[in-house]
Amino acid sequence: MEIRPLTNGDVGAISTWRYPQPYSTYDVTGPISASGGYWAVYDAEQLVGYCCFGFQARVPGIDEEQGTVDVGYGLRPDLVGRGLGREFVATVCTFALSTFSPLRLRLLILDWNQPSRKVAEALAFKYQRSVRNAQGEFVIMVRNRDGRANAAVRIT
């Protein structure tokens, strides 16, 4: 898998993706664009997902943390549950590390999304805390750039 600049065609495709309940909360309903910090994820010549970083990946109620890049992503709905999650998220994380050179990566995952949490744990992300907002309860998971969790990091 590889990360590429988002094209207008990618935006058009992603905006039509619809996830089944309860995952419909991940439907992209707002504007996305390459200039807005979004990227396309391809496997060969096939669009398989998208990713975003920083502000676009944060949920309301979470502040920016110096040295940390927030990571967001979405796998194409028809590919969810087919065992691609770990490779997909690893590709996104590798891109974030090489592009932004942060000390840490941070994921915000809805607490009921056990498959996403398991993928994050397999990639060495560790639970830091939970936060609730209008969208639901999110778990905050953090990983150092070297792939180790940093239990000493506390997000307040």
Protein backbone atom coordinates (compact mmCIF):
# COMPACT_ATOMS: atom_id res chain seq x y z
CA MET A 1 0.00 0.00 0.00
CA GLU A 2 1.10 3.56 -0.59
CA ILE A 3 -0.04 7.07 0.26
CA ARG A 4 -0.68 9.47 -2.61
CA PRO A 5 -1.96 13.02 -2.94
CA LEU A 6 -5.75 13.08 -2.96
CA THR A 7 -7.29 13.72 -6.40
CA ASN A 8 -10.73 15.07 -7.24
CA GLY A 9 -11.66 11.55 -8.35
CA ASP A 10 -10.61 10.18 -4.96
CA VAL A 11 -12.71 12.82 -3.20
CA GLY A 12 -15.72 11.88 -5.35
CA ALA A 13 -15.32 8.18 -4.57
CA ILE A 14 -14.74 8.64 -0.83
CA SER A 15 -17.77 10.91 -0.49
CA THR A 16 -20.01 8.05 -1.73
CA TRP A 17 -18.71 5.43 0.70
CA ARG A 18 -21.31 4.34 3.25
CA TYR A 19 -20.56 2.14 6.22
CA PRO A 20 -23.15 -0.15 7.85
CA GLN A 21 -24.38 0.63 11.38
CA PRO A 22 -22.83 1.31 13.81
CA TYR A 23 -19.89 2.29 11.59
CA SER A 24 -21.96 4.85 9.65
CA THR A 25 -20.52 7.45 12.02
CA TYR A 26 -17.39 7.15 9.82
CA ASP A 27 -19.22 8.22 6.64
CA VAL A 28 -17.46 11.25 5.17
CA THR A 29 -20.13 13.91 4.98
CA GLY A 30 -18.03 17.05 5.21
CA PRO A 31 -15.57 18.53 2.77
CA ILE A 32 -12.27 16.79 2.22
CA SER A 33 -9.43 17.87 -0.05
CA ALA A 34 -5.71 17.45 -0.57
CA SER A 35 -5.21 21.05 0.51
CA GLY A 36 -7.19 20.22 3.64
CA GLY A 37 -4.68 17.63 4.85
CA TYR A 38 -6.24 14.48 3.43
CA TRP A 39 -4.39 11.79 1.48
CA ALA A 40 -5.42 8.76 -0.59
CA VAL A 41 -4.29 5.24 0.25
CA TYR A 42 -3.79 2.95 -2.74
CA ASP A 43 -3.05 -0.73 -3.15
CA ALA A 44 -1.60 -1.02 -6.66
CA GLU A 45 -3.92 1.20 -8.69
CA GLN A 46 -6.96 0.74 -6.47
CA LEU A 47 -8.16 3.34 -3.95
CA VAL A 48 -8.53 1.46 -0.66
CA GLY A 49 -8.86 4.30 1.82
CA TYR A 50 -7.86 7.74 2.97
CA CYS A 51 -5.96 9.29 5.84
CA CYS A 52 -5.54 12.65 7.52
CA PHE A 53 -3.26 14.15 10.13
CA GLY A 54 -3.23 16.86 12.77
CA PHE A 55 -6.33 19.00 13.14
CA GLN A 56 -8.35 16.92 10.66
CA ALA A 57 -7.73 13.77 12.72
CA ARG A 58 -8.69 15.25 16.09
CA VAL A 59 -12.15 15.14 17.57
CA PRO A 60 -13.76 18.04 19.44
CA GLY A 61 -12.47 18.20 23.01
CA ILE A 62 -8.94 17.07 22.18
CA ASP A 63 -6.19 19.65 21.97
CA GLU A 64 -3.02 19.54 19.94
CA GLU A 65 -0.06 18.11 21.84
CA GLN A 66 3.44 19.26 20.98
CA GLY A 67 5.53 16.49 19.41
CA THR A 68 2.45 14.39 18.67
CA VAL A 69 0.73 13.89 15.33
CA ASP A 70 -2.92 12.85 15.41
CA VAL A 71 -3.71 10.21 12.81
CA GLY A 72 -7.10 9.55 11.20
CA TYR A 73 -8.03 7.09 8.48
CA GLY A 74 -10.84 5.27 6.74
CA LEU A 75 -10.69 1.95 4.91
CA ARG A 76 -13.11 1.53 2.00
CA PRO A 77 -16.32 0.00 3.43
CA ASP A 78 -16.31 -3.14 1.25
CA LEU A 79 -12.77 -3.92 2.47
CA VAL A 80 -13.55 -3.67 6.20
CA GLY A 81 -13.33 -7.02 7.96
CA ARG A 82 -11.10 -8.64 5.32
CA GLY A 83 -7.88 -8.63 7.32
CA LEU A 84 -6.38 -5.51 5.73
CA GLY A 85 -6.56 -3.26 8.79
CA ARG A 86 -3.11 -3.88 10.18
CA GLU A 87 -1.30 -3.31 6.86
CA PHE A 88 -3.50 -0.30 6.10
CA VAL A 89 -2.93 1.43 9.46
CA ALA A 90 0.79 0.53 9.45
CA THR A 91 1.14 2.20 6.04
CA VAL A 92 -0.61 5.33 7.32
CA CYS A 93 1.57 5.43 10.44
CA THR A 94 4.79 4.93 8.47
CA PHE A 95 3.79 7.82 6.20
CA ALA A 96 3.01 10.05 9.21
CA LEU A 97 6.37 9.28 10.80
CA SER A 98 8.37 9.93 7.64
CA THR A 99 6.42 13.05 6.64
CA PHE A 100 6.01 14.84 9.97
CA SER A 101 8.83 13.35 12.12
CA PRO A 102 6.82 13.44 15.36
CA LEU A 103 7.88 12.05 18.72
CA ARG A 104 4.52 10.28 19.05
CA LEU A 105 1.47 9.22 17.07
CA ARG A 106 -2.01 9.49 18.57
CA LEU A 107 -5.22 7.74 17.53
CA LEU A 108 -8.75 8.58 18.68
CA ILE A 109 -11.02 5.55 18.34
CA LEU A 110 -14.66 5.22 19.33
CA ASP A 111 -14.69 2.95 22.38
CA TRP A 112 -17.09 0.42 20.85
CA ASN A 113 -14.86 -0.08 17.77
CA GLN A 114 -13.02 -3.17 19.02
CA PRO A 115 -11.56 -4.14 15.61
CA SER A 116 -9.83 -0.75 15.29
CA ARG A 117 -8.58 -0.95 18.86
CA LYS A 118 -7.12 -4.41 18.23
CA VAL A 119 -5.31 -3.17 15.12
CA ALA A 120 -3.92 -0.23 17.09
CA GLU A 121 -2.74 -2.53 19.89
CA ALA A 122 -1.07 -4.84 17.34
CA LEU A 123 0.86 -1.78 16.12
CA ALA A 124 2.08 -0.96 19.65
CA PHE A 125 -0.45 1.77 20.50
CA LYS A 126 -1.44 1.86 24.17
CA TYR A 127 -4.51 3.23 25.87
CA GLN A 128 -3.95 6.61 27.55
CA ARG A 129 -7.42 7.75 28.55
CA SER A 130 -10.97 8.22 27.32
CA VAL A 131 -12.83 11.37 26.38
CA ARG A 132 -16.53 11.88 25.72
CA ASN A 133 -18.03 14.39 23.30
CA ALA A 134 -21.21 14.69 21.23
CA GLN A 135 -20.00 11.90 18.90
CA GLY A 136 -19.52 9.40 21.73
CA GLU A 137 -16.75 8.05 23.93
CA PHE A 138 -13.29 7.93 22.37
CA VAL A 139 -10.24 6.06 23.58
CA ILE A 140 -6.96 7.87 23.11
CA MET A 141 -4.12 5.56 22.07
CA VAL A 142 -0.48 6.69 21.78
CA ARG A 143 2.71 5.21 20.39
CA ASN A 144 6.27 6.57 20.31
CA ARG A 145 7.94 7.03 16.94
CA ASP A 146 10.17 4.02 17.67
CA GLY A 147 7.10 1.82 17.91
CA ARG A 148 6.96 1.57 21.67
CA ALA A 149 4.12 2.79 23.83
CA ASN A 150 5.04 5.54 26.24
CA ALA A 151 3.22 4.98 29.49
CA ALA A 152 4.82 8.13 30.91
CA VAL A 153 2.96 10.36 28.46
CA ARG A 154 -0.24 11.63 30.01
CA ILE A 155 -2.66 13.65 27.95
CA THR A 156 -4.62 16.12 30.01
